Structures are given as C-alpha cells and as structure tokens.
PDB file of N, CA and C in Angstrom:
ATOM      1  N   MET A   1     -10.326   0.483  -2.441  1.00  0.00           N
ATOM      2  CA  MET A   1     -11.163   0.573  -1.150  1.00  0.00           C
ATOM      3  C   MET A   1     -10.587   1.047   0.066  1.00  0.00           C
ATOM      4  N   PRO A   2      -9.234   0.978   0.212  1.00  0.00           N
ATOM      5  CA  PRO A   2      -8.654   1.418   1.588  1.00  0.00           C
ATOM      6  C   PRO A   2      -9.267   2.503   1.948  1.00  0.00           C
ATOM      7  N   ASP A   3      -9.307   3.567   1.291  1.00  0.00           N
ATOM      8  CA  ASP A   3      -9.798   4.627   1.654  1.00  0.00           C
ATOM      9  C   ASP A   3     -11.236   4.920   1.756  1.00  0.00           C
ATOM     10  N   ALA A   4     -12.031   3.772   1.594  1.00  0.00           N
ATOM     11  CA  ALA A   4     -13.606   3.934   1.506  1.00  0.00           C
ATOM     12  C   ALA A   4     -13.991   4.442   3.005  1.00  0.00           C
ATOM     13  N   PHE A   5     -13.281   3.996   4.188  1.00  0.00           N
ATOM     14  CA  PHE A   5     -14.049   4.387   5.477  1.00  0.00           C
ATOM     15  C   PHE A   5     -12.749   5.191   6.112  1.00  0.00           C
ATOM     16  N   LEU A   6     -11.986   5.915   5.411  1.00  0.00           N
ATOM     17  CA  LEU A   6     -10.975   6.737   5.757  1.00  0.00           C
ATOM     18  C   LEU A   6     -11.776   7.859   6.979  1.00  0.00           C
ATOM     19  N   ASN A   7     -11.205   7.967   8.052  1.00  0.00           N
ATOM     20  CA  ASN A   7     -11.861   8.971   9.192  1.00  0.00           C
ATOM     21  C   ASN A   7     -13.315   8.744   9.510  1.00  0.00           C
ATOM     22  N   CYS A   8     -13.818   7.426   9.297  1.00  0.00           N
ATOM     23  CA  CYS A   8     -15.370   7.357   9.647  1.00  0.00           C
ATOM     24  C   CYS A   8     -14.987   6.824  11.144  1.00  0.00           C
ATOM     25  N   THR A   9     -15.708   7.382  11.790  1.00  0.00           N
ATOM     26  CA  THR A   9     -15.745   7.108  13.525  1.00  0.00           C
ATOM     27  C   THR A   9     -17.073   6.466  13.887  1.00  0.00           C
ATOM     28  N   GLY A  10     -18.035   6.186  13.081  1.00  0.00           N
ATOM     29  CA  GLY A  10     -19.258   5.787  13.456  1.00  0.00           C
ATOM     30  C   GLY A  10     -19.596   4.160  13.230  1.00  0.00           C
ATOM     31  N   ILE A  11     -18.440   3.443  12.567  1.00  0.00           N
ATOM     32  CA  ILE A  11     -18.664   2.077  12.242  1.00  0.00           C
ATOM     33  C   ILE A  11     -18.538   1.405  13.754  1.00  0.00           C
ATOM     34  N   THR A  12     -19.755   0.454  13.728  1.00  0.00           N
ATOM     35  CA  THR A  12     -19.605  -0.463  14.967  1.00  0.00           C
ATOM     36  C   THR A  12     -19.695  -1.938  14.522  1.00  0.00           C
ATOM     37  N   THR A  13     -20.134  -2.030  13.296  1.00  0.00           N
ATOM     38  CA  THR A  13     -19.865  -3.497  12.972  1.00  0.00           C
ATOM     39  C   THR A  13     -19.893  -3.578  11.102  1.00  0.00           C
ATOM     40  N   ILE A  14     -19.170  -4.312  10.693  1.00  0.00           N
ATOM     41  CA  ILE A  14     -19.191  -4.731   9.268  1.00  0.00           C
ATOM     42  C   ILE A  14     -19.782  -6.039   9.155  1.00  0.00           C
ATOM     43  N   ASN A  15     -20.758  -6.386   8.584  1.00  0.00           N
ATOM     44  CA  ASN A  15     -21.583  -7.640   8.345  1.00  0.00           C
ATOM     45  C   ASN A  15     -20.985  -8.209   7.184  1.00  0.00           C
ATOM     46  N   ILE A  16     -20.358  -9.495   7.019  1.00  0.00           N
ATOM     47  CA  ILE A  16     -19.815 -10.088   6.024  1.00  0.00           C
ATOM     48  C   ILE A  16     -20.320 -11.562   5.702  1.00  0.00           C
ATOM     49  N   PRO A  17     -20.773 -12.016   4.593  1.00  0.00           N
ATOM     50  CA  PRO A  17     -20.987 -13.125   4.320  1.00  0.00           C
ATOM     51  C   PRO A  17     -20.227 -14.226   5.216  1.00  0.00           C
ATOM     52  N   ALA A  18     -20.982 -15.275   5.161  1.00  0.00           N
ATOM     53  CA  ALA A  18     -20.299 -16.516   5.981  1.00  0.00           C
ATOM     54  C   ALA A  18     -19.074 -16.870   4.982  1.00  0.00           C
ATOM     55  N   LYS A  19     -18.043 -17.354   5.787  1.00  0.00           N
ATOM     56  CA  LYS A  19     -16.798 -17.793   5.243  1.00  0.00           C
ATOM     57  C   LYS A  19     -16.227 -16.972   4.073  1.00  0.00           C
ATOM     58  N   LYS A  20     -16.368 -15.563   4.594  1.00  0.00           N
ATOM     59  CA  LYS A  20     -15.448 -14.699   3.707  1.00  0.00           C
ATOM     60  C   LYS A  20     -14.579 -13.881   4.436  1.00  0.00           C
ATOM     61  N   THR A  21     -14.348 -14.056   5.708  1.00  0.00           N
ATOM     62  CA  THR A  21     -13.794 -13.062   6.515  1.00  0.00           C
ATOM     63  C   THR A  21     -12.340 -12.900   5.910  1.00  0.00           C
ATOM     64  N   ASP A  22     -11.669 -13.979   5.601  1.00  0.00           N
ATOM     65  CA  ASP A  22     -10.356 -13.807   5.020  1.00  0.00           C
ATOM     66  C   ASP A  22     -10.180 -12.899   3.640  1.00  0.00           C
ATOM     67  N   TYR A  23     -11.098 -12.983   3.002  1.00  0.00           N
ATOM     68  CA  TYR A  23     -11.277 -12.068   1.570  1.00  0.00           C
ATOM     69  C   TYR A  23     -11.429 -10.646   2.128  1.00  0.00           C
ATOM     70  N   TYR A  24     -12.236 -10.418   3.175  1.00  0.00           N
ATOM     71  CA  TYR A  24     -12.505  -8.925   3.313  1.00  0.00           C
ATOM     72  C   TYR A  24     -11.236  -8.531   4.322  1.00  0.00           C
ATOM     73  N   LYS A  25     -10.553  -9.273   5.201  1.00  0.00           N
ATOM     74  CA  LYS A  25      -9.544  -8.908   5.845  1.00  0.00           C
ATOM     75  C   LYS A  25      -8.364  -8.533   4.849  1.00  0.00           C
ATOM     76  N   LYS A  26      -8.251  -8.994   3.892  1.00  0.00           N
ATOM     77  CA  LYS A  26      -7.077  -8.746   2.838  1.00  0.00           C
ATOM     78  C   LYS A  26      -7.499  -7.310   2.185  1.00  0.00           C
ATOM     79  N   ARG A  27      -8.718  -6.910   2.227  1.00  0.00           N
ATOM     80  CA  ARG A  27      -9.184  -5.753   1.445  1.00  0.00           C
ATOM     81  C   ARG A  27      -9.607  -4.557   2.202  1.00  0.00           C
ATOM     82  N   LEU A  28      -9.692  -4.684   3.498  1.00  0.00           N
ATOM     83  CA  LEU A  28     -10.030  -3.668   4.315  1.00  0.00           C
ATOM     84  C   LEU A  28      -8.740  -3.231   5.364  1.00  0.00           C
ATOM     85  N   PRO A  29      -8.618  -1.988   5.744  1.00  0.00           N
ATOM     86  CA  PRO A  29      -7.495  -1.641   6.447  1.00  0.00           C
ATOM     87  C   PRO A  29      -7.495  -2.313   7.759  1.00  0.00           C
ATOM     88  N   GLU A  30      -6.469  -2.731   8.454  1.00  0.00           N
ATOM     89  CA  GLU A  30      -6.439  -3.638   9.506  1.00  0.00           C
ATOM     90  C   GLU A  30      -7.086  -2.864  10.936  1.00  0.00           C
ATOM     91  N   GLU A  31      -7.265  -1.399  10.938  1.00  0.00           N
ATOM     92  CA  GLU A  31      -7.827  -1.055  12.154  1.00  0.00           C
ATOM     93  C   GLU A  31      -9.547  -1.383  11.789  1.00  0.00           C
ATOM     94  N   LEU A  32      -9.908  -1.883  10.804  1.00  0.00           N
ATOM     95  CA  LEU A  32     -11.237  -2.206  10.747  1.00  0.00           C
ATOM     96  C   LEU A  32     -11.528  -3.539  10.839  1.00  0.00           C
ATOM     97  N   HIS A  33     -10.657  -4.396  11.189  1.00  0.00           N
ATOM     98  CA  HIS A  33     -10.834  -5.806  11.424  1.00  0.00           C
ATOM     99  C   HIS A  33     -11.663  -6.018  12.586  1.00  0.00           C
ATOM    100  N   GLN A  34     -11.299  -5.401  13.704  1.00  0.00           N
ATOM    101  CA  GLN A  34     -12.141  -5.496  14.818  1.00  0.00           C
ATOM    102  C   GLN A  34     -13.582  -5.309  14.865  1.00  0.00           C
ATOM    103  N   PHE A  35     -14.012  -4.879  13.622  1.00  0.00           N
ATOM    104  CA  PHE A  35     -15.606  -4.575  13.590  1.00  0.00           C
ATOM    105  C   PHE A  35     -16.352  -5.871  12.693  1.00  0.00           C
ATOM    106  N   ILE A  36     -15.444  -6.698  11.996  1.00  0.00           N
ATOM    107  CA  ILE A  36     -16.047  -7.376  11.180  1.00  0.00           C
ATOM    108  C   ILE A  36     -16.821  -8.523  11.975  1.00  0.00           C
ATOM    109  N   VAL A  37     -18.055  -8.821  11.500  1.00  0.00           N
ATOM    110  CA  VAL A  37     -19.004  -9.969  12.062  1.00  0.00           C
ATOM    111  C   VAL A  37     -19.448 -10.654  11.021  1.00  0.00           C
ATOM    112  N   GLU A  38     -18.934 -11.904  11.021  1.00  0.00           N
ATOM    113  CA  GLU A  38     -19.375 -13.023  10.002  1.00  0.00           C
ATOM    114  C   GLU A  38     -20.684 -13.322  10.080  1.00  0.00           C
ATOM    115  N   MET A  39     -21.594 -13.174   9.094  1.00  0.00           N
ATOM    116  CA  MET A  39     -23.024 -13.520   9.261  1.00  0.00           C
ATOM    117  C   MET A  39     -23.208 -15.347   9.150  1.00  0.00           C
ATOM    118  N   GLU A  40     -24.349 -15.617   9.712  1.00  0.00           N
ATOM    119  CA  GLU A  40     -24.532 -17.171   9.489  1.00  0.00           C
ATOM    120  C   GLU A  40     -24.987 -17.210   8.182  1.00  0.00           C
ATOM    121  N   PRO A  41     -24.631 -18.576   7.712  1.00  0.00           N
ATOM    122  CA  PRO A  41     -24.984 -18.986   6.184  1.00  0.00           C
ATOM    123  C   PRO A  41     -26.329 -19.145   6.378  1.00  0.00           C
ATOM    124  N   GLU A  42     -26.976 -18.694   5.146  1.00  0.00           N
ATOM    125  CA  GLU A  42     -28.367 -19.042   5.108  1.00  0.00           C
ATOM    126  C   GLU A  42     -28.841 -20.454   4.757  1.00  0.00           C
ATOM    127  N   LYS A  43     -29.768 -21.124   5.712  1.00  0.00           N
ATOM    128  CA  LYS A  43     -30.410 -22.242   5.525  1.00  0.00           C
ATOM    129  C   LYS A  43     -31.264 -22.542   4.210  1.00  0.00           C
ATOM    130  N   LYS A  44     -31.058 -23.316   3.360  1.00  0.00           N
ATOM    131  CA  LYS A  44     -31.643 -23.517   2.313  1.00  0.00           C
ATOM    132  C   LYS A  44     -33.019 -24.475   2.628  1.00  0.00           C
ATOM    133  N   ALA A  45     -33.885 -24.042   2.245  1.00  0.00           N
ATOM    134  CA  ALA A  45     -35.304 -24.798   2.552  1.00  0.00           C
ATOM    135  C   ALA A  45     -35.253 -26.054   1.948  1.00  0.00           C
ATOM    136  N   LYS A  46     -35.646 -27.256   2.538  1.00  0.00           N
ATOM    137  CA  LYS A  46     -35.522 -28.444   1.955  1.00  0.00           C
ATOM    138  C   LYS A  46     -36.864 -28.641   1.029  1.00  0.00           C
ATOM    139  N   LYS A  47     -36.693 -29.344  -0.049  1.00  0.00           N
ATOM    140  CA  LYS A  47     -37.688 -29.569  -1.052  1.00  0.00           C
ATOM    141  C   LYS A  47     -38.522 -30.808  -0.415  1.00  0.00           C
ATOM    142  N   LYS A  48     -39.788 -30.490  -1.007  1.00  0.00           N
ATOM    143  CA  LYS A  48     -40.937 -31.709  -0.701  1.00  0.00           C
ATOM    144  C   LYS A  48     -41.229 -32.516  -1.806  1.00  0.00           C
TER     145      LYS A  48
END
C-alpha cells in the first residue's frame, strides 16, 4: 500500500474511521499523515 498514493498531488484529506488513526499511520507513508482526518463515531439509535 505505500505506493498507492505515490506522486498524488490532489489529496486534501484522508477520512478514516474513529479510533483507527494509529492503524492507518502505520500503513500510510509519513508524508500523508498530515491529511488524516478521524471521522466521528457513528451514534447508535436507542431502542424503544
């Protein structure tokens, strides 16, 4: 996966699931870490 974004200049954000930042930082090249945005966790609907 390190070459997946090689020479890509159009990246502005990389949206990742909540609490997965460390997982993706280990797998993406360091120069892409600045674009990582952690999404808010989905709120589960309350059962009635």
